[in-house]
Amino acid sequence: MRYRVNLYREREARGERLKKSLFRGTLLGIVVAVEVVLLGVLVISGFQFRERAETVRLATQGLEERSRPYEESGDLAAARALVQRRVERVDWSVLMAAVAERTPDNVVLSKVRGGRQTGRGALNGVEIEGRISGRTRDLSPVIAYVDSLRNEPALTRWFPRIDLGEARGGSGQNFMIVCRPADAEATP
């Protein structure tokens, strides 16, 4: 049988301490190296970010300079005025089609007048005249017709004030529906 006796215990303890400190030093070195690499990446990306931010700032400044309004020439002003008038113009064909589509079967239209003139005696709106077919005094078809016209966007866009102007008896009920712009005076 063989025994092994360590007569140099301090040497062995020193070796263990040396291994531990070498391990700690290596680990510390790795951590420092990783931090240096990350710091370098941050510095480089910071420079790149500043370059890109400056490029974007210069591009934005150039776009702002180019987008400043130019002085309008006479032709451009006339074209803008023409487009504005066209946008404000009533599309009478769409409006009349909507009036016709909403007319109930037992209502007969005799006259539809429309205009956008202003001034004394001029028509600014739509006047719809008609009668109820048959001999009845019931105005419910006319009231329903007025309500359906009030829900018609093609009409209410230009003439939102829609009222029953008058109703007369006789052979069937005669009526007049008056459609006016929002800023017009009340229907007489």
Foldseek 3Di string as FASTA:
>chain_A
DDDDDDPCVVVVVVVVVVVVVVVVVVVVVVVVVVVVVVVVVVVVVVVVVVVVVVVVVVVVVVVVVVPDDDDDDPVRVVVVVVVVVVVVDQPVVVVVVQLVVLQDPQKDWDDKDADCDDDPPDHRFIKTKTFGAAQDPDCVSVVSSQVSLCVDCSRCVAFNDKDWQDWDHDGTIITMITTHGPPDDDRD
